[in-house]
Amino acid sequence: MLMTMYANNRARFSLEELRKYADQWVAFSLDGSRVLASAATLTQLEDRLAAAGVDAQNVALERVEFEDSQTGGAEFL
């Protein structure tokens, strides 16, 4: 049920809106309705979540990429 809710809510984000997060890691709320934080690397994302008082164990992480973007290894630090 939660995965269905997440998928349905996450699908409501337009491509235009997601382009703001191109080449970034994004922490979505578990129901997929909100972006809680974003950053170029997972380490930065965890730091931003911690600063906002959000438990990184209670978010859905996703890397937002488009066909015209490329990912290197530094994003995983």
N, C-alpha and C. Protein backbone atom coordinates (compact mmCIF):
# COMPACT_ATOMS: atom_id res chain seq x y z
N MET A 1 0.82 -1.20 0.00
CA MET A 1 0.00 0.00 0.00
C MET A 1 0.86 1.25 0.00
N LEU A 2 1.89 1.30 0.88
CA LEU A 2 2.74 2.48 0.95
C LEU A 2 3.47 2.70 -0.38
N MET A 3 3.93 1.62 -1.01
CA MET A 3 4.62 1.76 -2.30
C MET A 3 3.68 2.31 -3.36
N THR A 4 2.44 1.89 -3.35
CA THR A 4 1.47 2.40 -4.31
C THR A 4 1.23 3.88 -4.07
N MET A 5 1.10 4.28 -2.80
CA MET A 5 0.90 5.68 -2.47
C MET A 5 2.12 6.49 -2.92
N TYR A 6 3.32 5.97 -2.63
CA TYR A 6 4.54 6.66 -3.03
C TYR A 6 4.57 6.82 -4.55
N ALA A 7 4.34 5.76 -5.28
CA ALA A 7 4.40 5.81 -6.74
C ALA A 7 3.38 6.79 -7.31
N ASN A 8 2.19 6.77 -6.78
CA ASN A 8 1.14 7.68 -7.27
C ASN A 8 1.50 9.14 -6.99
N ASN A 9 1.93 9.43 -5.78
CA ASN A 9 2.29 10.81 -5.44
C ASN A 9 3.54 11.27 -6.17
N ARG A 10 4.54 10.39 -6.26
CA ARG A 10 5.79 10.74 -6.93
C ARG A 10 5.54 11.05 -8.41
N ALA A 11 4.61 10.35 -9.02
CA ALA A 11 4.29 10.55 -10.43
C ALA A 11 3.65 11.92 -10.69
N ARG A 12 3.18 12.57 -9.66
CA ARG A 12 2.55 13.89 -9.82
C ARG A 12 3.57 15.01 -10.01
N PHE A 13 4.85 14.74 -9.75
CA PHE A 13 5.88 15.75 -9.97
C PHE A 13 6.11 15.87 -11.48
N SER A 14 5.98 17.08 -11.99
CA SER A 14 6.17 17.29 -13.42
C SER A 14 7.66 17.23 -13.76
N LEU A 15 7.96 16.97 -15.02
CA LEU A 15 9.35 16.97 -15.46
C LEU A 15 9.98 18.34 -15.24
N GLU A 16 9.21 19.36 -15.47
CA GLU A 16 9.69 20.73 -15.26
C GLU A 16 10.11 20.93 -13.81
N GLU A 17 9.30 20.45 -12.89
CA GLU A 17 9.63 20.59 -11.47
C GLU A 17 10.85 19.75 -11.10
N LEU A 18 10.93 18.55 -11.66
CA LEU A 18 12.06 17.67 -11.34
C LEU A 18 13.37 18.17 -11.93
N ARG A 19 13.31 18.95 -13.00
CA ARG A 19 14.53 19.49 -13.61
C ARG A 19 15.32 20.35 -12.62
N LYS A 20 14.64 20.91 -11.63
CA LYS A 20 15.33 21.69 -10.59
C LYS A 20 16.32 20.81 -9.82
N TYR A 21 16.09 19.52 -9.84
CA TYR A 21 16.90 18.58 -9.07
C TYR A 21 17.78 17.71 -9.97
N ALA A 22 17.96 18.11 -11.23
CA ALA A 22 18.76 17.32 -12.17
C ALA A 22 20.15 17.08 -11.62
N ASP A 23 20.61 15.84 -11.75
CA ASP A 23 21.93 15.41 -11.29
C ASP A 23 22.10 15.52 -9.79
N GLN A 24 21.03 15.41 -9.05
CA GLN A 24 21.09 15.48 -7.59
C GLN A 24 20.41 14.25 -6.98
N TRP A 25 20.78 13.99 -5.75
CA TRP A 25 20.06 13.03 -4.92
C TRP A 25 18.93 13.79 -4.25
N VAL A 26 17.76 13.17 -4.23
CA VAL A 26 16.59 13.82 -3.64
C VAL A 26 16.00 12.90 -2.58
N ALA A 27 15.66 13.49 -1.44
CA ALA A 27 14.97 12.77 -0.38
C ALA A 27 13.50 13.16 -0.45
N PHE A 28 12.66 12.21 -0.81
CA PHE A 28 11.22 12.40 -0.85
C PHE A 28 10.61 11.89 0.45
N SER A 29 9.49 12.46 0.84
CA SER A 29 8.75 11.92 1.97
C SER A 29 8.35 10.49 1.60
N LEU A 30 8.12 9.67 2.62
CA LEU A 30 7.80 8.26 2.35
C LEU A 30 6.52 8.07 1.55
N ASP A 31 5.63 9.06 1.58
CA ASP A 31 4.42 8.94 0.77
C ASP A 31 4.61 9.53 -0.63
N GLY A 32 5.83 10.07 -0.91
CA GLY A 32 6.15 10.59 -2.24
C GLY A 32 5.55 11.94 -2.57
N SER A 33 4.97 12.62 -1.59
CA SER A 33 4.27 13.86 -1.88
C SER A 33 5.14 15.12 -1.77
N ARG A 34 6.30 15.00 -1.10
CA ARG A 34 7.13 16.19 -0.87
C ARG A 34 8.61 15.89 -1.05
N VAL A 35 9.33 16.90 -1.51
CA VAL A 35 10.79 16.84 -1.51
C VAL A 35 11.24 17.42 -0.18
N LEU A 36 12.01 16.63 0.58
CA LEU A 36 12.47 17.06 1.89
C LEU A 36 13.84 17.73 1.82
N ALA A 37 14.66 17.30 0.88
CA ALA A 37 15.99 17.88 0.71
C ALA A 37 16.59 17.34 -0.58
N SER A 38 17.62 18.03 -1.06
CA SER A 38 18.34 17.54 -2.24
C SER A 38 19.79 17.99 -2.13
N ALA A 39 20.68 17.27 -2.82
CA ALA A 39 22.11 17.60 -2.80
C ALA A 39 22.81 16.83 -3.90
N ALA A 40 24.01 17.27 -4.22
CA ALA A 40 24.80 16.62 -5.27
C ALA A 40 25.32 15.25 -4.83
N THR A 41 25.59 15.09 -3.53
CA THR A 41 26.11 13.82 -3.04
C THR A 41 25.24 13.29 -1.90
N LEU A 42 25.36 12.00 -1.66
CA LEU A 42 24.60 11.40 -0.56
C LEU A 42 25.05 11.95 0.79
N THR A 43 26.33 12.21 0.94
CA THR A 43 26.84 12.77 2.19
C THR A 43 26.23 14.14 2.45
N GLN A 44 26.21 14.99 1.42
CA GLN A 44 25.61 16.31 1.57
C GLN A 44 24.12 16.20 1.88
N LEU A 45 23.46 15.24 1.23
CA LEU A 45 22.03 15.05 1.46
C LEU A 45 21.77 14.64 2.90
N GLU A 46 22.55 13.70 3.41
CA GLU A 46 22.40 13.28 4.80
C GLU A 46 22.62 14.45 5.75
N ASP A 47 23.62 15.29 5.45
CA ASP A 47 23.89 16.46 6.29
C ASP A 47 22.69 17.42 6.28
N ARG A 48 22.11 17.64 5.11
CA ARG A 48 20.97 18.54 5.01
C ARG A 48 19.75 17.99 5.73
N LEU A 49 19.54 16.69 5.62
CA LEU A 49 18.43 16.07 6.33
C LEU A 49 18.63 16.21 7.85
N ALA A 50 19.84 15.93 8.31
CA ALA A 50 20.14 16.03 9.74
C ALA A 50 19.93 17.47 10.23
N ALA A 51 20.37 18.44 9.44
CA ALA A 51 20.20 19.85 9.83
C ALA A 51 18.73 20.23 9.90
N ALA A 52 17.91 19.58 9.10
CA ALA A 52 16.47 19.85 9.11
C ALA A 52 15.74 19.01 10.14
N GLY A 53 16.47 18.15 10.85
CA GLY A 53 15.86 17.30 11.87
C GLY A 53 15.09 16.12 11.30
N VAL A 54 15.46 15.70 10.08
CA VAL A 54 14.78 14.59 9.41
C VAL A 54 15.66 13.35 9.50
N ASP A 55 15.09 12.25 9.97
CA ASP A 55 15.81 10.98 10.06
C ASP A 55 15.98 10.41 8.65
N ALA A 56 17.22 10.24 8.22
CA ALA A 56 17.50 9.74 6.88
C ALA A 56 16.95 8.34 6.65
N GLN A 57 16.61 7.62 7.71
CA GLN A 57 16.02 6.29 7.57
C GLN A 57 14.54 6.35 7.20
N ASN A 58 13.97 7.55 7.28
CA ASN A 58 12.54 7.69 7.03
C ASN A 58 12.24 8.52 5.78
N VAL A 59 13.07 8.34 4.76
CA VAL A 59 12.87 9.04 3.50
C VAL A 59 13.06 8.06 2.35
N ALA A 60 12.59 8.45 1.19
CA ALA A 60 12.82 7.67 -0.03
C ALA A 60 13.86 8.43 -0.84
N LEU A 61 14.99 7.79 -1.10
CA LEU A 61 16.07 8.44 -1.85
C LEU A 61 15.96 8.10 -3.32
N GLU A 62 16.23 9.11 -4.13
CA GLU A 62 16.19 8.90 -5.57
C GLU A 62 17.20 9.84 -6.22
N ARG A 63 17.89 9.34 -7.20
CA ARG A 63 18.80 10.16 -8.00
C ARG A 63 17.99 10.65 -9.20
N VAL A 64 17.93 11.96 -9.40
CA VAL A 64 17.16 12.53 -10.51
C VAL A 64 18.12 12.79 -11.66
N GLU A 65 17.89 12.07 -12.75
CA GLU A 65 18.73 12.22 -13.93
C GLU A 65 17.86 12.30 -15.17
N PHE A 66 18.39 12.96 -16.15
CA PHE A 66 17.73 13.06 -17.44
C PHE A 66 18.70 12.55 -18.50
N GLU A 67 18.19 12.20 -19.65
CA GLU A 67 19.03 11.63 -20.70
C GLU A 67 20.19 12.52 -21.08
N ASP A 68 20.04 13.82 -20.92
CA ASP A 68 21.10 14.75 -21.31
C ASP A 68 22.09 15.03 -20.19
N SER A 69 22.05 14.23 -19.12
CA SER A 69 23.00 14.42 -18.01
C SER A 69 23.83 13.16 -17.82
N GLN A 70 25.00 13.32 -17.21
CA GLN A 70 25.88 12.20 -16.95
C GLN A 70 26.28 12.18 -15.49
N THR A 71 26.42 10.98 -14.95
CA THR A 71 26.79 10.82 -13.55
C THR A 71 28.22 10.32 -13.46
N GLY A 72 29.00 10.88 -12.54
CA GLY A 72 30.34 10.40 -12.24
C GLY A 72 30.34 9.77 -10.86
N GLY A 73 31.46 9.23 -10.46
CA GLY A 73 31.55 8.54 -9.18
C GLY A 73 31.50 9.46 -7.97
N ALA A 74 31.82 10.72 -8.13
CA ALA A 74 31.87 11.65 -6.99
C ALA A 74 30.53 11.82 -6.31
N GLU A 75 29.44 11.58 -7.00
CA GLU A 75 28.10 11.77 -6.43
C GLU A 75 27.81 10.80 -5.30
N PHE A 76 28.58 9.74 -5.19
CA PHE A 76 28.31 8.72 -4.17
C PHE A 76 29.06 8.98 -2.87
N LEU A 77 29.86 10.02 -2.82
CA LEU A 77 30.63 10.33 -1.61
C LEU A 77 29.79 11.06 -0.60
